Amino acid sequence: MTVIAMTREIGSFGLDVAAGLAARLGLEIIQSDTVANSIAKRLGVDESAVLRYVNGSASLLERWQIDRRKLVEAQISSALADQISVTAAPLGVSVSVADGKVTLAATTSSGSVRKRAEKIAHGFAGVFQIDNRIVSVPSRGSTF
């Protein structure tokens, strides 16, 4: 998953630049406030605290409350949920993070999920290594 982070200032035409760049590269624009609610629930903090953290204006107390490991786990989990269908991985993809190492675990009937999930996880800052434990098994009921 390619991620391009942009900040905006009044008069900079940031939305126009983002739209043009996304169209040219074939990417989707996702606003940080779109996923902030989901991430806040997973971290057990207010959505506004997550938005301030992302924007760099969180207080010292808020930065202490947001565990960086949990934040990366939540971001990757959210991206995987958006990009990998429930039919491909019915139980979802489990994500855990420790010292830059991301562990992915799931059972799927689609051989492409393993590679796709790894590509998505690699796109996040602070990810240095991936332990991919996604197992692909044949679907039941195949015909002969």
C-alpha atoms as a PDB file:
ATOM      1  CA  MET A   1       0.000   0.000   0.000  1.00  0.00           C
ATOM      2  CA  THR A   2       1.491   3.279  -1.066  1.00  0.00           C
ATOM      3  CA  VAL A   3       1.069   6.060   1.468  1.00  0.00           C
ATOM      4  CA  ILE A   4       1.750   9.710   0.700  1.00  0.00           C
ATOM      5  CA  ALA A   5       1.151  12.027   3.639  1.00  0.00           C
ATOM      6  CA  MET A   6       0.332  15.641   2.915  1.00  0.00           C
ATOM      7  CA  THR A   7      -0.306  18.606   5.147  1.00  0.00           C
ATOM      8  CA  ARG A   8      -2.243  21.643   4.068  1.00  0.00           C
ATOM      9  CA  GLU A   9      -2.067  25.345   4.774  1.00  0.00           C
ATOM     10  CA  ILE A  10      -4.518  28.033   3.769  1.00  0.00           C
ATOM     11  CA  GLY A  11      -3.973  29.029   0.137  1.00  0.00           C
ATOM     12  CA  SER A  12      -1.652  26.108  -0.697  1.00  0.00           C
ATOM     13  CA  PHE A  13      -4.257  24.261  -2.790  1.00  0.00           C
ATOM     14  CA  GLY A  14      -3.365  21.109  -0.854  1.00  0.00           C
ATOM     15  CA  LEU A  15      -6.643  19.352  -1.702  1.00  0.00           C
ATOM     16  CA  ASP A  16      -6.160  20.095  -5.402  1.00  0.00           C
ATOM     17  CA  VAL A  17      -2.549  18.890  -5.325  1.00  0.00           C
ATOM     18  CA  ALA A  18      -3.591  15.697  -3.496  1.00  0.00           C
ATOM     19  CA  ALA A  19      -6.433  15.034  -5.961  1.00  0.00           C
ATOM     20  CA  GLY A  20      -4.154  15.563  -8.963  1.00  0.00           C
ATOM     21  CA  LEU A  21      -1.399  13.384  -7.524  1.00  0.00           C
ATOM     22  CA  ALA A  22      -3.850  10.611  -6.609  1.00  0.00           C
ATOM     23  CA  ALA A  23      -5.412  10.676 -10.079  1.00  0.00           C
ATOM     24  CA  ARG A  24      -2.037  10.590 -11.803  1.00  0.00           C
ATOM     25  CA  LEU A  25      -0.720   7.709  -9.650  1.00  0.00           C
ATOM     26  CA  GLY A  26      -4.010   5.814  -9.472  1.00  0.00           C
ATOM     27  CA  LEU A  27      -4.244   6.135  -5.687  1.00  0.00           C
ATOM     28  CA  GLU A  28      -7.162   6.662  -3.340  1.00  0.00           C
ATOM     29  CA  ILE A  29      -7.322   9.663  -1.017  1.00  0.00           C
ATOM     30  CA  ILE A  30      -8.072   8.776   2.597  1.00  0.00           C
ATOM     31  CA  GLN A  31      -8.420  11.640   5.053  1.00  0.00           C
ATOM     32  CA  SER A  32      -6.896  11.055   8.503  1.00  0.00           C
ATOM     33  CA  ASP A  33     -10.184  11.913  10.182  1.00  0.00           C
ATOM     34  CA  THR A  34     -11.840   9.071   8.229  1.00  0.00           C
ATOM     35  CA  VAL A  35      -9.868   6.407  10.106  1.00  0.00           C
ATOM     36  CA  ALA A  36      -9.305   8.327  13.354  1.00  0.00           C
ATOM     37  CA  ASN A  37     -12.500   7.006  14.971  1.00  0.00           C
ATOM     38  CA  SER A  38     -11.586   3.364  14.327  1.00  0.00           C
ATOM     39  CA  ILE A  39      -8.037   3.870  15.583  1.00  0.00           C
ATOM     40  CA  ALA A  40      -9.226   5.766  18.682  1.00  0.00           C
ATOM     41  CA  LYS A  41     -11.570   2.913  19.633  1.00  0.00           C
ATOM     42  CA  ARG A  42      -8.759   0.370  19.308  1.00  0.00           C
ATOM     43  CA  LEU A  43      -6.437   2.520  21.425  1.00  0.00           C
ATOM     44  CA  GLY A  44      -9.063   3.430  24.007  1.00  0.00           C
ATOM     45  CA  VAL A  45      -8.592   7.198  23.600  1.00  0.00           C
ATOM     46  CA  ASP A  46     -10.658  10.080  22.215  1.00  0.00           C
ATOM     47  CA  GLU A  47     -10.767  10.561  18.458  1.00  0.00           C
ATOM     48  CA  SER A  48      -9.622  14.175  18.914  1.00  0.00           C
ATOM     49  CA  ALA A  49      -6.482  12.933  20.709  1.00  0.00           C
ATOM     50  CA  VAL A  50      -5.617  10.715  17.722  1.00  0.00           C
ATOM     51  CA  LEU A  51      -6.115  13.626  15.314  1.00  0.00           C
ATOM     52  CA  ARG A  52      -3.911  15.893  17.453  1.00  0.00           C
ATOM     53  CA  TYR A  53      -1.281  13.116  17.620  1.00  0.00           C
ATOM     54  CA  VAL A  54      -1.294  12.731  13.822  1.00  0.00           C
ATOM     55  CA  ASN A  55      -1.105  16.505  13.360  1.00  0.00           C
ATOM     56  CA  GLY A  56       1.753  16.812  15.858  1.00  0.00           C
ATOM     57  CA  SER A  57      -0.176  18.942  18.339  1.00  0.00           C
ATOM     58  CA  ALA A  58      -0.965  16.318  21.013  1.00  0.00           C
ATOM     59  CA  SER A  59      -0.126  17.241  24.590  1.00  0.00           C
ATOM     60  CA  LEU A  60       2.589  15.398  26.484  1.00  0.00           C
ATOM     61  CA  LEU A  61      -0.087  13.474  28.405  1.00  0.00           C
ATOM     62  CA  GLU A  62      -1.855  12.475  25.159  1.00  0.00           C
ATOM     63  CA  ARG A  63       1.427  11.295  23.635  1.00  0.00           C
ATOM     64  CA  TRP A  64       2.026   9.124  26.716  1.00  0.00           C
ATOM     65  CA  GLN A  65      -1.486   7.696  26.488  1.00  0.00           C
ATOM     66  CA  ILE A  66      -1.054   6.677  22.849  1.00  0.00           C
ATOM     67  CA  ASP A  67       1.172   3.645  22.713  1.00  0.00           C
ATOM     68  CA  ARG A  68       3.129   3.892  19.430  1.00  0.00           C
ATOM     69  CA  ARG A  69       3.051   0.103  18.997  1.00  0.00           C
ATOM     70  CA  LYS A  70      -0.732   0.017  19.384  1.00  0.00           C
ATOM     71  CA  LEU A  71      -1.087   2.951  16.995  1.00  0.00           C
ATOM     72  CA  VAL A  72       0.880   1.157  14.260  1.00  0.00           C
ATOM     73  CA  GLU A  73      -1.107  -2.049  14.896  1.00  0.00           C
ATOM     74  CA  ALA A  74      -4.372  -0.129  14.589  1.00  0.00           C
ATOM     75  CA  GLN A  75      -3.266   1.666  11.418  1.00  0.00           C
ATOM     76  CA  ILE A  76      -2.174  -1.561   9.726  1.00  0.00           C
ATOM     77  CA  SER A  77      -5.297  -3.431  10.878  1.00  0.00           C
ATOM     78  CA  SER A  78      -7.502  -0.647   9.558  1.00  0.00           C
ATOM     79  CA  ALA A  79      -5.710  -0.630   6.195  1.00  0.00           C
ATOM     80  CA  LEU A  80      -5.933  -4.425   5.932  1.00  0.00           C
ATOM     81  CA  ALA A  81      -9.653  -4.362   6.750  1.00  0.00           C
ATOM     82  CA  ASP A  82     -10.198  -1.769   4.012  1.00  0.00           C
ATOM     83  CA  GLN A  83      -8.083  -3.567   1.400  1.00  0.00           C
ATOM     84  CA  ILE A  84      -8.739  -7.282   2.025  1.00  0.00           C
ATOM     85  CA  SER A  85     -12.280  -8.568   1.674  1.00  0.00           C
ATOM     86  CA  VAL A  86     -14.036 -10.642   4.321  1.00  0.00           C
ATOM     87  CA  THR A  87     -14.521 -13.412   1.768  1.00  0.00           C
ATOM     88  CA  ALA A  88     -10.752 -13.628   1.222  1.00  0.00           C
ATOM     89  CA  ALA A  89      -9.947 -13.689   4.963  1.00  0.00           C
ATOM     90  CA  PRO A  90     -13.212 -14.408   6.860  1.00  0.00           C
ATOM     91  CA  LEU A  91     -11.652 -13.964  10.306  1.00  0.00           C
ATOM     92  CA  GLY A  92      -9.556 -10.985   9.270  1.00  0.00           C
ATOM     93  CA  VAL A  93      -5.816 -10.583   9.587  1.00  0.00           C
ATOM     94  CA  SER A  94      -4.313 -10.457  13.074  1.00  0.00           C
ATOM     95  CA  VAL A  95      -1.578  -7.836  13.500  1.00  0.00           C
ATOM     96  CA  SER A  96       0.993  -7.472  16.268  1.00  0.00           C
ATOM     97  CA  VAL A  97       3.962  -5.098  16.400  1.00  0.00           C
ATOM     98  CA  ALA A  98       7.156  -5.209  18.466  1.00  0.00           C
ATOM     99  CA  ASP A  99      10.333  -3.197  17.834  1.00  0.00           C
ATOM    100  CA  GLY A 100       9.602  -2.581  14.147  1.00  0.00           C
ATOM    101  CA  LYS A 101       8.667  -6.214  13.497  1.00  0.00           C
ATOM    102  CA  VAL A 102       5.099  -6.813  12.325  1.00  0.00           C
ATOM    103  CA  THR A 103       3.563 -10.261  12.661  1.00  0.00           C
ATOM    104  CA  LEU A 104       0.621 -11.023  10.381  1.00  0.00           C
ATOM    105  CA  ALA A 105      -1.563 -14.079  10.975  1.00  0.00           C
ATOM    106  CA  ALA A 106      -4.656 -15.352   9.170  1.00  0.00           C
ATOM    107  CA  THR A 107      -6.166 -18.293   7.368  1.00  0.00           C
ATOM    108  CA  THR A 108      -7.411 -17.665   3.863  1.00  0.00           C
ATOM    109  CA  SER A 109      -8.536 -19.523   0.779  1.00  0.00           C
ATOM    110  CA  SER A 110      -6.954 -16.919  -1.480  1.00  0.00           C
ATOM    111  CA  GLY A 111      -3.279 -17.268  -2.305  1.00  0.00           C
ATOM    112  CA  SER A 112      -2.950 -13.546  -3.024  1.00  0.00           C
ATOM    113  CA  VAL A 113      -3.856 -12.401   0.517  1.00  0.00           C
ATOM    114  CA  ARG A 114      -0.457 -13.303   1.962  1.00  0.00           C
ATOM    115  CA  LYS A 115       1.519 -11.169  -0.488  1.00  0.00           C
ATOM    116  CA  ARG A 116      -1.041  -8.338  -0.482  1.00  0.00           C
ATOM    117  CA  ALA A 117      -1.132  -8.067   3.331  1.00  0.00           C
ATOM    118  CA  GLU A 118       2.659  -7.974   3.477  1.00  0.00           C
ATOM    119  CA  LYS A 119       2.788  -5.200   0.871  1.00  0.00           C
ATOM    120  CA  ILE A 120       0.225  -3.154   2.821  1.00  0.00           C
ATOM    121  CA  ALA A 121       2.100  -3.572   6.123  1.00  0.00           C
ATOM    122  CA  HIS A 122       5.434  -2.573   4.537  1.00  0.00           C
ATOM    123  CA  GLY A 123       3.929   0.793   3.624  1.00  0.00           C
ATOM    124  CA  PHE A 124       3.850   2.047   7.226  1.00  0.00           C
ATOM    125  CA  ALA A 125       6.560   4.068   8.926  1.00  0.00           C
ATOM    126  CA  GLY A 126       8.534   2.165  11.544  1.00  0.00           C
ATOM    127  CA  VAL A 127       8.014  -1.256   9.927  1.00  0.00           C
ATOM    128  CA  PHE A 128      11.391  -2.894   9.344  1.00  0.00           C
ATOM    129  CA  GLN A 129      10.571  -6.596   9.284  1.00  0.00           C
ATOM    130  CA  ILE A 130       7.483  -8.723   8.623  1.00  0.00           C
ATOM    131  CA  ASP A 131       6.809 -12.190   9.977  1.00  0.00           C
ATOM    132  CA  ASN A 132       4.075 -13.350   7.623  1.00  0.00           C
ATOM    133  CA  ARG A 133       2.138 -16.252   9.148  1.00  0.00           C
ATOM    134  CA  ILE A 134      -0.807 -16.045   6.780  1.00  0.00           C
ATOM    135  CA  VAL A 135      -1.731 -19.556   5.692  1.00  0.00           C
ATOM    136  CA  SER A 136      -3.561 -20.299   2.468  1.00  0.00           C
ATOM    137  CA  VAL A 137      -5.791 -23.398   2.500  1.00  0.00           C
ATOM    138  CA  PRO A 138      -7.978 -24.750  -0.308  1.00  0.00           C
ATOM    139  CA  SER A 139     -11.655 -23.887  -0.057  1.00  0.00           C
ATOM    140  CA  ARG A 140     -14.089 -26.653   0.721  1.00  0.00           C
ATOM    141  CA  GLY A 141     -16.548 -28.036  -1.748  1.00  0.00           C
ATOM    142  CA  SER A 142     -14.345 -28.004  -4.819  1.00  0.00           C
ATOM    143  CA  THR A 143     -15.712 -29.995  -7.705  1.00  0.00           C
ATOM    144  CA  PHE A 144     -13.891 -32.642  -9.726  1.00  0.00           C
END
